[in-house]
Amino acid sequence: MTATALPRPRVHPVTFARLVRSEHLKLRTLRSTWWTLALAVAVLPLMAVMRTTSVAAIADEADPAYLVGPVYVTSGVMLAQLVLCGLAVVAVTAEYRTGQVRSTLTAAPTRLPVLGAQLLVVVVTALVTGVVGVLAAWAAAAPLLGEARMTVDLTQPEHLRIMAGVPLYLAAVAAFAYGVGAALRSSAAGIASVLGLVFVVEPAFAYLPSEALQRLGAYLPTAAGSRLLTSDVLGSVVSGSRDTTLGPWAGYGVLLAWAALAVGVAAVLLRRRDV
């Protein structure tokens, strides 16, 4: 009797592209991901309609200099970032909670490509969500802009910057949240740290008695990054004596630096710690 030779299984090398497809598959096959993204998109048109309606009621009494249409159309960004930050943290910490990360890192023992693939998926997801959300907000608020004596004119650099800044800002904030989550490896700790910084620590700097500390607070992640979404007139009023001379793109650069720092710390810890 002769033995039948079995065909050798095909071995596919673990490339970065395959890691990206794997991470994308993990994220999109979770029902909670779609509910989270739907909520992030929904808050943008909802807040746009609410803010534009309220401004329309007092438009005759308002200073035209403050009626910058894109500012009100994009007013739901702060709520959208809350949702996307939670998603970014969970995207990396869920594997540590279930233990699946061991299988992932066994397939990719150099580890850092996994971090990069997850980060890319999270950033692109946030970017696409921001584009869809801001377009939905613009469409929902468009019938009300005339009543509020406002327009959105993308031929104006300031209007274009604010509208295009929504997906860029959300992508950068999601990258920062991902880095924090990857460093802490805990969903609860990661979400609490990011949201505590954004919604508690950063606003608290505005009430400190020291002007130097108030200026320092303007260089915290979302305080700096949100300059990208602020009109020149409103930005000068809000900054007041705390003006840091941070322009919109400089502020966004500070946010990107924070995101790079968070991801860099996560990368170092991923190489050095056991899973």
Protein backbone atom coordinates (compact mmCIF):
# COMPACT_ATOMS: atom_id res chain seq x y z
CA MET A 1 0.00 0.00 0.00
CA THR A 2 1.37 3.36 -0.95
CA ALA A 3 0.83 6.37 1.24
CA THR A 4 -1.09 9.24 -0.29
CA ALA A 5 0.80 12.50 -0.05
CA LEU A 6 -1.32 15.23 1.45
CA PRO A 7 -1.09 18.66 -0.16
CA ARG A 8 0.88 21.16 1.83
CA PRO A 9 -1.24 23.99 3.24
CA ARG A 10 -0.49 27.35 1.73
CA VAL A 11 1.25 29.66 4.16
CA HIS A 12 0.46 33.32 3.69
CA PRO A 13 3.01 35.74 5.13
CA VAL A 14 1.70 38.22 7.68
CA THR A 15 1.97 41.53 5.86
CA PHE A 16 0.88 44.93 7.04
CA ALA A 17 -1.94 44.97 4.48
CA ARG A 18 -3.28 41.68 5.87
CA LEU A 19 -3.06 43.03 9.40
CA VAL A 20 -5.07 46.08 8.35
CA ARG A 21 -7.73 43.86 6.76
CA SER A 22 -7.83 41.74 9.91
CA GLU A 23 -8.24 44.73 12.21
CA HIS A 24 -10.89 46.21 9.94
CA LEU A 25 -12.75 42.90 9.99
CA LYS A 26 -12.63 42.80 13.80
CA LEU A 27 -14.03 46.31 14.08
CA ARG A 28 -16.75 46.18 11.44
CA THR A 29 -18.16 42.80 12.47
CA LEU A 30 -19.11 44.09 15.92
CA ARG A 31 -22.69 45.34 16.10
CA SER A 32 -21.68 47.86 18.78
CA THR A 33 -19.32 49.53 16.29
CA TRP A 34 -22.15 50.38 13.91
CA TRP A 35 -24.37 51.68 16.71
CA THR A 36 -21.49 53.82 17.98
CA LEU A 37 -20.73 55.25 14.55
CA ALA A 38 -24.42 55.92 13.91
CA LEU A 39 -24.61 57.85 17.18
CA ALA A 40 -21.47 59.85 16.32
CA VAL A 41 -22.96 60.82 12.95
CA ALA A 42 -26.41 61.57 14.38
CA VAL A 43 -25.28 64.08 17.00
CA LEU A 44 -23.74 66.35 14.36
CA PRO A 45 -26.96 67.19 12.41
CA LEU A 46 -28.98 67.17 15.63
CA MET A 47 -26.80 69.78 17.30
CA ALA A 48 -26.50 71.76 14.06
CA VAL A 49 -30.27 72.09 13.79
CA MET A 50 -30.65 72.99 17.46
CA ARG A 51 -27.93 75.66 17.41
CA THR A 52 -29.01 77.14 14.08
CA THR A 53 -32.63 77.30 15.21
CA SER A 54 -31.69 79.10 18.41
CA VAL A 55 -29.56 81.62 16.51
CA ALA A 56 -32.33 82.20 13.97
CA ALA A 57 -34.60 83.32 16.82
CA ILE A 58 -32.23 86.17 17.74
CA ALA A 59 -30.56 86.78 14.38
CA ASP A 60 -31.91 90.35 14.09
CA GLU A 61 -30.25 91.31 17.37
CA ALA A 62 -26.97 89.47 16.83
CA ASP A 63 -23.75 91.04 15.57
CA PRO A 64 -23.24 89.78 11.98
CA ALA A 65 -19.54 89.27 12.74
CA TYR A 66 -20.49 86.38 15.02
CA LEU A 67 -22.85 84.71 12.55
CA VAL A 68 -20.31 82.35 10.99
CA GLY A 69 -22.40 79.54 9.52
CA PRO A 70 -19.86 76.67 9.75
CA VAL A 71 -19.35 77.28 13.47
CA TYR A 72 -22.99 76.47 14.15
CA VAL A 73 -23.19 73.68 11.58
CA THR A 74 -20.27 71.90 13.27
CA SER A 75 -21.39 72.50 16.86
CA GLY A 76 -21.95 68.78 17.53
CA VAL A 77 -18.28 67.92 17.21
CA MET A 78 -17.66 67.88 20.97
CA LEU A 79 -20.32 65.20 21.47
CA ALA A 80 -19.15 63.23 18.44
CA GLN A 81 -15.62 63.16 19.82
CA LEU A 82 -16.90 61.69 23.08
CA VAL A 83 -18.38 58.74 21.17
CA LEU A 84 -15.38 58.23 18.88
CA CYS A 85 -12.91 58.42 21.75
CA GLY A 86 -14.76 55.59 23.46
CA LEU A 87 -14.69 53.55 20.26
CA ALA A 88 -10.97 54.19 19.76
CA VAL A 89 -10.13 53.03 23.27
CA VAL A 90 -12.28 49.91 23.07
CA ALA A 91 -10.86 49.02 19.64
CA VAL A 92 -7.52 48.24 21.29
CA THR A 93 -8.46 47.30 24.87
CA ALA A 94 -11.16 44.75 23.99
CA GLU A 95 -8.49 42.27 22.87
CA TYR A 96 -6.75 42.53 26.21
CA ARG A 97 -10.02 41.91 28.04
CA THR A 98 -10.78 38.75 26.06
CA GLY A 99 -7.19 37.53 25.73
CA GLN A 100 -7.38 37.57 21.93
CA VAL A 101 -4.33 39.82 21.86
CA ARG A 102 -2.12 36.78 22.51
CA SER A 103 -3.21 35.17 19.25
CA THR A 104 -2.79 38.45 17.39
CA LEU A 105 0.74 39.01 18.65
CA THR A 106 1.68 35.37 18.05
CA ALA A 107 0.80 35.88 14.38
CA ALA A 108 2.75 39.16 14.32
CA PRO A 109 5.53 38.77 16.89
CA THR A 110 7.19 42.08 16.02
CA ARG A 111 4.08 43.70 17.57
CA LEU A 112 4.44 47.22 16.24
CA PRO A 113 2.76 46.47 12.87
CA VAL A 114 -0.33 45.39 14.84
CA LEU A 115 -0.35 48.73 16.63
CA GLY A 116 0.01 50.57 13.33
CA ALA A 117 -2.75 48.56 11.66
CA GLN A 118 -5.18 49.15 14.50
CA LEU A 119 -4.33 52.84 14.56
CA LEU A 120 -4.85 53.17 10.81
CA VAL A 121 -8.26 51.49 10.98
CA VAL A 122 -9.36 53.69 13.89
CA VAL A 123 -8.15 56.92 12.24
CA VAL A 124 -9.74 56.16 8.86
CA THR A 125 -13.00 55.16 10.57
CA ALA A 126 -13.08 58.44 12.50
CA LEU A 127 -12.16 60.39 9.37
CA VAL A 128 -14.98 58.85 7.29
CA THR A 129 -17.44 59.30 10.17
CA GLY A 130 -16.49 62.97 10.37
CA VAL A 131 -17.01 63.51 6.64
CA VAL A 132 -20.43 61.83 6.68
CA GLY A 133 -21.44 63.64 9.86
CA VAL A 134 -20.46 67.13 8.75
CA LEU A 135 -22.21 66.69 5.39
CA ALA A 136 -25.34 65.48 7.18
CA ALA A 137 -25.14 68.45 9.55
CA TRP A 138 -24.79 70.87 6.65
CA ALA A 139 -27.74 69.33 4.82
CA ALA A 140 -29.92 69.38 7.96
CA ALA A 141 -29.08 72.98 8.87
CA ALA A 142 -29.18 74.39 5.32
CA PRO A 143 -32.92 75.31 5.36
CA LEU A 144 -32.39 77.23 8.61
CA LEU A 145 -29.23 79.11 7.71
CA GLY A 146 -31.13 81.76 5.76
CA GLU A 147 -33.40 82.50 8.72
CA ALA A 148 -30.31 82.88 10.91
CA ARG A 149 -28.68 85.21 8.34
CA MET A 150 -25.85 82.75 7.88
CA THR A 151 -24.30 80.92 4.96
CA VAL A 152 -21.70 78.24 4.39
CA ASP A 153 -19.44 79.31 1.55
CA LEU A 154 -16.60 76.89 0.87
CA THR A 155 -14.89 79.45 -1.36
CA GLN A 156 -14.03 81.34 1.84
CA PRO A 157 -10.86 79.89 3.44
CA GLU A 158 -12.24 80.20 6.97
CA HIS A 159 -15.46 78.36 6.10
CA LEU A 160 -13.56 75.64 4.26
CA ARG A 161 -11.14 75.23 7.16
CA ILE A 162 -13.89 74.80 9.72
CA MET A 163 -15.94 72.35 7.66
CA ALA A 164 -12.94 70.29 6.55
CA GLY A 165 -11.54 70.52 10.05
CA VAL A 166 -14.29 68.33 11.50
CA PRO A 167 -13.05 64.99 10.09
CA LEU A 168 -9.43 66.01 10.57
CA TYR A 169 -10.04 66.93 14.20
CA LEU A 170 -12.05 63.78 14.96
CA ALA A 171 -9.37 61.59 13.37
CA ALA A 172 -6.63 63.20 15.47
CA VAL A 173 -8.63 62.95 18.70
CA ALA A 174 -9.39 59.30 17.96
CA ALA A 175 -5.66 58.66 17.43
CA PHE A 176 -4.89 60.28 20.79
CA ALA A 177 -7.57 58.21 22.54
CA TYR A 178 -6.28 55.07 20.85
CA GLY A 179 -2.76 55.77 22.12
CA VAL A 180 -4.01 56.25 25.68
CA GLY A 181 -6.06 53.05 25.49
CA ALA A 182 -3.14 51.07 24.05
CA ALA A 183 -0.86 52.31 26.83
CA LEU A 184 -3.29 51.57 29.67
CA ARG A 185 -4.76 48.33 28.20
CA SER A 186 -8.01 48.84 30.10
CA SER A 187 -11.28 50.06 28.64
CA ALA A 188 -12.45 51.67 31.88
CA ALA A 189 -9.11 53.33 32.63
CA GLY A 190 -8.61 54.46 29.05
CA ILE A 191 -12.07 55.99 28.61
CA ALA A 192 -11.97 57.60 32.06
CA SER A 193 -8.53 59.09 31.38
CA VAL A 194 -9.40 60.52 27.96
CA LEU A 195 -12.82 61.88 28.88
CA GLY A 196 -11.56 63.13 32.24
CA LEU A 197 -8.83 65.08 30.47
CA VAL A 198 -11.13 66.47 27.78
CA PHE A 199 -14.21 67.29 29.84
CA VAL A 200 -12.81 67.93 33.33
CA VAL A 201 -9.12 68.82 33.37
CA GLU A 202 -8.97 71.01 30.27
CA PRO A 203 -12.03 73.18 31.14
CA ALA A 204 -10.72 73.55 34.70
CA PHE A 205 -7.63 75.40 33.43
CA ALA A 206 -9.85 78.28 32.30
CA TYR A 207 -10.83 78.93 35.94
CA LEU A 208 -7.37 78.86 37.46
CA PRO A 209 -6.24 82.17 38.99
CA SER A 210 -2.83 82.03 37.33
CA GLU A 211 -2.70 83.49 33.83
CA ALA A 212 0.37 81.36 33.10
CA LEU A 213 -1.57 78.18 33.87
CA GLN A 214 -4.48 79.39 31.76
CA ARG A 215 -2.09 79.84 28.85
CA LEU A 216 -0.67 76.37 29.49
CA GLY A 217 -4.17 74.93 29.35
CA ALA A 218 -4.54 76.17 25.79
CA TYR A 219 -1.82 73.69 24.77
CA LEU A 220 -3.71 70.65 26.03
CA PRO A 221 -4.94 68.27 23.30
CA THR A 222 -8.50 69.27 22.47
CA ALA A 223 -8.13 72.88 23.61
CA ALA A 224 -5.40 73.32 21.02
CA GLY A 225 -6.97 71.14 18.32
CA SER A 226 -10.37 72.80 18.52
CA ARG A 227 -8.77 76.03 17.27
CA LEU A 228 -9.12 74.44 13.85
CA LEU A 229 -12.91 74.60 14.22
CA THR A 230 -13.11 78.11 15.65
CA SER A 231 -13.72 81.24 13.60
CA ASP A 232 -11.17 84.03 13.84
CA VAL A 233 -13.63 86.42 15.51
CA LEU A 234 -14.98 83.91 18.03
CA GLY A 235 -11.50 82.58 18.71
CA SER A 236 -10.21 85.99 19.75
CA VAL A 237 -13.20 86.54 22.04
CA VAL A 238 -12.96 83.13 23.70
CA SER A 239 -9.20 83.33 24.15
CA GLY A 240 -9.23 86.82 25.61
CA SER A 241 -6.36 87.33 27.96
CA ARG A 242 -5.47 83.65 27.54
CA ASP A 243 -4.54 84.09 23.90
CA THR A 244 -1.62 81.81 23.14
CA THR A 245 -1.02 83.07 19.59
CA LEU A 246 -1.90 79.54 18.49
CA GLY A 247 -3.38 79.73 15.03
CA PRO A 248 -5.85 77.12 13.78
CA TRP A 249 -3.27 74.92 12.08
CA ALA A 250 -0.68 75.41 14.82
CA GLY A 251 -3.27 74.30 17.35
CA TYR A 252 -4.05 71.26 15.23
CA GLY A 253 -0.33 70.53 15.09
CA VAL A 254 -0.24 70.52 18.91
CA LEU A 255 -3.09 67.98 18.95
CA LEU A 256 -1.21 65.79 16.46
CA ALA A 257 1.87 66.02 18.68
CA TRP A 258 -0.18 64.80 21.65
CA ALA A 259 -1.52 61.93 19.55
CA ALA A 260 2.01 61.01 18.40
CA LEU A 261 3.22 61.09 22.01
CA ALA A 262 0.40 58.83 23.23
CA VAL A 263 0.96 56.32 20.42
CA GLY A 264 4.73 56.48 20.93
CA VAL A 265 4.38 55.63 24.63
CA ALA A 266 2.01 52.79 23.73
CA ALA A 267 4.53 51.45 21.19
CA VAL A 268 7.35 51.42 23.75
CA LEU A 269 5.18 49.68 26.34
CA LEU A 270 3.95 47.14 23.79
CA ARG A 271 7.53 46.10 23.01
CA ARG A 272 8.61 45.95 26.65
CA ARG A 273 5.61 44.46 28.49
CA ASP A 274 4.21 40.96 28.43
CA VAL A 275 0.61 40.38 27.33
